[in-house]
Amino acid sequence: MIAPEIRIRVARLGDEPALAELDRVSWSPLHAVLPAPEGDEPFFDERHHPEDYLVAEVPEAGVVGFVRLVRAIPLPSNAHVRQIQGLVVGEAARGRGVARALVRAAMDRARRQGATRITLRVLGHNAPARALYEAEGFAVEGVLPGEFLLAGTYVDDVCMGRPLD
């Protein structure tokens, strides 16, 4: 169930400190293939723009989560597809429907952008995320076995997608 006090909006430049901190404290080998962010790295850069992010806010805590939604392949023949490239919810806000609200908002935004399909990639061992995506209509469309070596263990890269009709 999604808590009614969750507000989803497009990120603003002023969100950068909150998003960078959320990204830093929420980093986990359960979902990350990159090294843990250090405290001084910018959150927004030439490839990561505020308009690519939706943020979740709750009244008592401010920004508690974000999702990045982009065109995965910058080709005209792929313009109908959007990809979720990152979903983060702070520990204190988990279990309140924030991730579900962000995924649904990303799908709605993709539809408004003219997309007819949405995809994502999730690590094979991230059972909570996979369950959420499956509950929201995503299906496994492919698996890249042992695609990542994380903490000495080979981990599958699971490709998921769904139509936006």
C-alpha atoms as a PDB file:
ATOM      1  CA  MET A   1       0.000   0.000   0.000  1.00  0.00           C
ATOM      2  CA  ILE A   2       1.270   3.457  -0.920  1.00  0.00           C
ATOM      3  CA  ALA A   3       1.143   5.978   1.905  1.00  0.00           C
ATOM      4  CA  PRO A   4      -0.913   9.037   0.871  1.00  0.00           C
ATOM      5  CA  GLU A   5       1.675  11.504   2.155  1.00  0.00           C
ATOM      6  CA  ILE A   6       4.264  10.490  -0.456  1.00  0.00           C
ATOM      7  CA  ARG A   7       4.795  13.259  -3.008  1.00  0.00           C
ATOM      8  CA  ILE A   8       6.611  12.481  -6.263  1.00  0.00           C
ATOM      9  CA  ARG A   9       8.127  15.297  -8.314  1.00  0.00           C
ATOM     10  CA  VAL A  10      10.901  15.966 -10.815  1.00  0.00           C
ATOM     11  CA  ALA A  11      14.265  16.640  -9.174  1.00  0.00           C
ATOM     12  CA  ARG A  12      15.689  20.159  -8.984  1.00  0.00           C
ATOM     13  CA  LEU A  13      19.310  21.303  -8.818  1.00  0.00           C
ATOM     14  CA  GLY A  14      18.720  22.199  -5.172  1.00  0.00           C
ATOM     15  CA  ASP A  15      18.033  18.516  -4.431  1.00  0.00           C
ATOM     16  CA  GLU A  16      21.641  17.583  -5.203  1.00  0.00           C
ATOM     17  CA  PRO A  17      22.935  17.504  -1.588  1.00  0.00           C
ATOM     18  CA  ALA A  18      19.984  15.410  -0.360  1.00  0.00           C
ATOM     19  CA  LEU A  19      20.172  13.005  -3.303  1.00  0.00           C
ATOM     20  CA  ALA A  20      23.936  12.606  -3.015  1.00  0.00           C
ATOM     21  CA  GLU A  21      23.619  11.827   0.703  1.00  0.00           C
ATOM     22  CA  LEU A  22      20.746   9.390   0.115  1.00  0.00           C
ATOM     23  CA  ASP A  23      22.778   7.663  -2.599  1.00  0.00           C
ATOM     24  CA  ARG A  24      25.808   7.465  -0.316  1.00  0.00           C
ATOM     25  CA  VAL A  25      24.036   6.083   2.779  1.00  0.00           C
ATOM     26  CA  SER A  26      21.831   3.689   0.792  1.00  0.00           C
ATOM     27  CA  TRP A  27      24.666   2.120  -1.193  1.00  0.00           C
ATOM     28  CA  SER A  28      24.680  -1.663  -0.939  1.00  0.00           C
ATOM     29  CA  PRO A  29      26.226  -4.554  -2.860  1.00  0.00           C
ATOM     30  CA  LEU A  30      22.663  -5.891  -3.063  1.00  0.00           C
ATOM     31  CA  HIS A  31      21.889  -3.381  -5.808  1.00  0.00           C
ATOM     32  CA  ALA A  32      25.086  -1.545  -6.789  1.00  0.00           C
ATOM     33  CA  VAL A  33      27.647  -2.518  -9.406  1.00  0.00           C
ATOM     34  CA  LEU A  34      29.731   0.622  -8.935  1.00  0.00           C
ATOM     35  CA  PRO A  35      31.911   1.319  -5.900  1.00  0.00           C
ATOM     36  CA  ALA A  36      30.301   3.139  -2.990  1.00  0.00           C
ATOM     37  CA  PRO A  37      30.037   6.877  -3.671  1.00  0.00           C
ATOM     38  CA  GLU A  38      32.402   9.061  -1.755  1.00  0.00           C
ATOM     39  CA  GLY A  39      31.147  12.158   0.010  1.00  0.00           C
ATOM     40  CA  ASP A  40      32.550  14.734  -2.406  1.00  0.00           C
ATOM     41  CA  GLU A  41      31.297  13.427  -5.763  1.00  0.00           C
ATOM     42  CA  PRO A  42      28.608  15.500  -7.523  1.00  0.00           C
ATOM     43  CA  PHE A  43      25.274  13.763  -7.926  1.00  0.00           C
ATOM     44  CA  PHE A  44      24.370  15.624 -11.116  1.00  0.00           C
ATOM     45  CA  ASP A  45      26.873  15.750 -13.981  1.00  0.00           C
ATOM     46  CA  GLU A  46      26.963  15.815 -17.793  1.00  0.00           C
ATOM     47  CA  ARG A  47      25.222  12.397 -17.959  1.00  0.00           C
ATOM     48  CA  HIS A  48      22.936  12.723 -14.918  1.00  0.00           C
ATOM     49  CA  HIS A  49      20.546  15.655 -15.159  1.00  0.00           C
ATOM     50  CA  PRO A  50      17.897  16.697 -12.616  1.00  0.00           C
ATOM     51  CA  GLU A  51      15.125  16.187 -15.180  1.00  0.00           C
ATOM     52  CA  ASP A  52      16.097  12.483 -15.415  1.00  0.00           C
ATOM     53  CA  TYR A  53      15.126  11.920 -11.781  1.00  0.00           C
ATOM     54  CA  LEU A  54      11.869  11.695  -9.906  1.00  0.00           C
ATOM     55  CA  VAL A  55      12.164  12.194  -6.172  1.00  0.00           C
ATOM     56  CA  ALA A  56       9.889  11.018  -3.388  1.00  0.00           C
ATOM     57  CA  GLU A  57       9.233  13.332  -0.467  1.00  0.00           C
ATOM     58  CA  VAL A  58       7.353  12.793   2.764  1.00  0.00           C
ATOM     59  CA  PRO A  59       6.422  15.685   5.076  1.00  0.00           C
ATOM     60  CA  GLU A  60       8.397  14.636   8.152  1.00  0.00           C
ATOM     61  CA  ALA A  61      11.587  13.587   6.349  1.00  0.00           C
ATOM     62  CA  GLY A  62      11.935  15.474   3.054  1.00  0.00           C
ATOM     63  CA  VAL A  63      13.515  13.555   0.153  1.00  0.00           C
ATOM     64  CA  VAL A  64      13.434   9.825   0.932  1.00  0.00           C
ATOM     65  CA  GLY A  65      13.933   8.229  -2.467  1.00  0.00           C
ATOM     66  CA  PHE A  66      14.548   8.667  -6.168  1.00  0.00           C
ATOM     67  CA  VAL A  67      14.301   6.888  -9.496  1.00  0.00           C
ATOM     68  CA  ARG A  68      16.242   7.682 -12.658  1.00  0.00           C
ATOM     69  CA  LEU A  69      14.327   7.340 -15.934  1.00  0.00           C
ATOM     70  CA  VAL A  70      16.141   7.787 -19.255  1.00  0.00           C
ATOM     71  CA  ARG A  71      16.329   6.681 -22.852  1.00  0.00           C
ATOM     72  CA  ALA A  72      18.646   3.694 -22.665  1.00  0.00           C
ATOM     73  CA  ILE A  73      19.749   3.870 -26.293  1.00  0.00           C
ATOM     74  CA  PRO A  74      19.862   7.298 -27.991  1.00  0.00           C
ATOM     75  CA  LEU A  75      18.663   6.091 -31.387  1.00  0.00           C
ATOM     76  CA  PRO A  76      15.438   7.112 -33.158  1.00  0.00           C
ATOM     77  CA  SER A  77      14.525   3.434 -33.543  1.00  0.00           C
ATOM     78  CA  ASN A  78      14.568   3.078 -29.719  1.00  0.00           C
ATOM     79  CA  ALA A  79      12.795   6.354 -28.866  1.00  0.00           C
ATOM     80  CA  HIS A  80       9.690   4.484 -27.698  1.00  0.00           C
ATOM     81  CA  VAL A  81      11.601   2.823 -24.802  1.00  0.00           C
ATOM     82  CA  ARG A  82      12.502   4.279 -21.412  1.00  0.00           C
ATOM     83  CA  GLN A  83      14.723   2.591 -18.864  1.00  0.00           C
ATOM     84  CA  ILE A  84      14.813   2.780 -15.094  1.00  0.00           C
ATOM     85  CA  GLN A  85      18.488   3.187 -14.218  1.00  0.00           C
ATOM     86  CA  GLY A  86      18.470   3.405 -10.475  1.00  0.00           C
ATOM     87  CA  LEU A  87      15.896   3.218  -7.722  1.00  0.00           C
ATOM     88  CA  VAL A  88      16.871   4.175  -4.177  1.00  0.00           C
ATOM     89  CA  VAL A  89      14.767   4.473  -1.022  1.00  0.00           C
ATOM     90  CA  GLY A  90      16.257   5.462   2.309  1.00  0.00           C
ATOM     91  CA  GLU A  91      16.219   2.852   5.075  1.00  0.00           C
ATOM     92  CA  ALA A  92      13.805   4.807   7.298  1.00  0.00           C
ATOM     93  CA  ALA A  93      11.238   5.097   4.486  1.00  0.00           C
ATOM     94  CA  ARG A  94      11.233   1.447   3.391  1.00  0.00           C
ATOM     95  CA  GLY A  95       8.046  -0.548   3.742  1.00  0.00           C
ATOM     96  CA  ARG A  96       5.834   2.514   3.212  1.00  0.00           C
ATOM     97  CA  GLY A  97       5.233   2.150  -0.523  1.00  0.00           C
ATOM     98  CA  VAL A  98       7.863   4.688  -1.616  1.00  0.00           C
ATOM     99  CA  ALA A  99       9.576   2.380  -4.118  1.00  0.00           C
ATOM    100  CA  ARG A 100       6.227   1.305  -5.578  1.00  0.00           C
ATOM    101  CA  ALA A 101       5.147   4.960  -5.889  1.00  0.00           C
ATOM    102  CA  LEU A 102       8.414   5.809  -7.658  1.00  0.00           C
ATOM    103  CA  VAL A 103       8.097   2.904 -10.108  1.00  0.00           C
ATOM    104  CA  ARG A 104       4.504   3.854 -10.916  1.00  0.00           C
ATOM    105  CA  ALA A 105       5.465   7.515 -11.334  1.00  0.00           C
ATOM    106  CA  ALA A 106       8.302   6.489 -13.658  1.00  0.00           C
ATOM    107  CA  MET A 107       5.873   4.469 -15.777  1.00  0.00           C
ATOM    108  CA  ASP A 108       3.435   7.401 -15.886  1.00  0.00           C
ATOM    109  CA  ARG A 109       6.202   9.806 -16.878  1.00  0.00           C
ATOM    110  CA  ALA A 110       7.444   7.415 -19.576  1.00  0.00           C
ATOM    111  CA  ARG A 111       3.912   7.265 -21.007  1.00  0.00           C
ATOM    112  CA  ARG A 112       3.685  11.090 -21.017  1.00  0.00           C
ATOM    113  CA  GLN A 113       7.004  11.143 -22.904  1.00  0.00           C
ATOM    114  CA  GLY A 114       5.452   8.926 -25.575  1.00  0.00           C
ATOM    115  CA  ALA A 115       7.104   5.673 -24.536  1.00  0.00           C
ATOM    116  CA  THR A 116       5.283   2.403 -25.146  1.00  0.00           C
ATOM    117  CA  ARG A 117       7.767   0.212 -23.289  1.00  0.00           C
ATOM    118  CA  ILE A 118       9.888   0.408 -20.127  1.00  0.00           C
ATOM    119  CA  THR A 119      12.871  -1.725 -19.152  1.00  0.00           C
ATOM    120  CA  LEU A 120      15.357  -2.095 -16.322  1.00  0.00           C
ATOM    121  CA  ARG A 121      18.224  -4.226 -15.128  1.00  0.00           C
ATOM    122  CA  VAL A 122      18.394  -5.682 -11.644  1.00  0.00           C
ATOM    123  CA  LEU A 123      20.954  -7.873  -9.934  1.00  0.00           C
ATOM    124  CA  GLY A 124      19.866 -11.495  -9.666  1.00  0.00           C
ATOM    125  CA  HIS A 125      20.366 -11.615  -5.893  1.00  0.00           C
ATOM    126  CA  ASN A 126      18.182  -8.553  -5.249  1.00  0.00           C
ATOM    127  CA  ALA A 127      15.011 -10.480  -4.435  1.00  0.00           C
ATOM    128  CA  PRO A 128      13.084  -7.533  -2.896  1.00  0.00           C
ATOM    129  CA  ALA A 129      13.542  -5.378  -6.004  1.00  0.00           C
ATOM    130  CA  ARG A 130      12.710  -8.231  -8.351  1.00  0.00           C
ATOM    131  CA  ALA A 131       9.512  -8.943  -6.407  1.00  0.00           C
ATOM    132  CA  LEU A 132       8.492  -5.280  -6.583  1.00  0.00           C
ATOM    133  CA  TYR A 133       9.103  -5.089 -10.334  1.00  0.00           C
ATOM    134  CA  GLU A 134       7.209  -8.340 -10.948  1.00  0.00           C
ATOM    135  CA  ALA A 135       4.289  -7.033  -8.874  1.00  0.00           C
ATOM    136  CA  GLU A 136       4.256  -3.941 -11.101  1.00  0.00           C
ATOM    137  CA  GLY A 137       3.997  -6.015 -14.272  1.00  0.00           C
ATOM    138  CA  PHE A 138       7.642  -6.369 -15.280  1.00  0.00           C
ATOM    139  CA  ALA A 139       8.725  -9.745 -16.643  1.00  0.00           C
ATOM    140  CA  VAL A 140      12.179 -11.252 -16.907  1.00  0.00           C
ATOM    141  CA  GLU A 141      13.227 -10.902 -20.538  1.00  0.00           C
ATOM    142  CA  GLY A 142      16.770 -12.144 -20.234  1.00  0.00           C
ATOM    143  CA  VAL A 143      19.529 -13.071 -17.835  1.00  0.00           C
ATOM    144  CA  LEU A 144      23.229 -12.400 -18.235  1.00  0.00           C
ATOM    145  CA  PRO A 145      24.699 -15.104 -15.991  1.00  0.00           C
ATOM    146  CA  GLY A 146      27.626 -14.063 -13.807  1.00  0.00           C
ATOM    147  CA  GLU A 147      27.780 -10.638 -15.471  1.00  0.00           C
ATOM    148  CA  PHE A 148      29.207  -8.897 -12.399  1.00  0.00           C
ATOM    149  CA  LEU A 149      31.857  -9.906  -9.872  1.00  0.00           C
ATOM    150  CA  LEU A 150      30.757  -8.317  -6.606  1.00  0.00           C
ATOM    151  CA  ALA A 151      32.551  -8.956  -3.318  1.00  0.00           C
ATOM    152  CA  GLY A 152      34.104 -12.108  -4.764  1.00  0.00           C
ATOM    153  CA  THR A 153      30.814 -13.552  -6.050  1.00  0.00           C
ATOM    154  CA  TYR A 154      29.544 -13.696  -9.620  1.00  0.00           C
ATOM    155  CA  VAL A 155      26.087 -12.153  -9.841  1.00  0.00           C
ATOM    156  CA  ASP A 156      23.540 -12.379 -12.655  1.00  0.00           C
ATOM    157  CA  ASP A 157      22.261  -9.275 -14.423  1.00  0.00           C
ATOM    158  CA  VAL A 158      18.518  -9.698 -14.922  1.00  0.00           C
ATOM    159  CA  CYS A 159      16.851  -7.740 -17.735  1.00  0.00           C
ATOM    160  CA  MET A 160      13.180  -6.959 -17.131  1.00  0.00           C
ATOM    161  CA  GLY A 161      10.602  -5.032 -19.092  1.00  0.00           C
ATOM    162  CA  ARG A 162       6.943  -4.400 -19.733  1.00  0.00           C
ATOM    163  CA  PRO A 163       4.663  -2.646 -22.184  1.00  0.00           C
ATOM    164  CA  LEU A 164       3.147   0.682 -21.134  1.00  0.00           C
ATOM    165  CA  ASP A 165      -0.332   0.186 -22.553  1.00  0.00           C
END
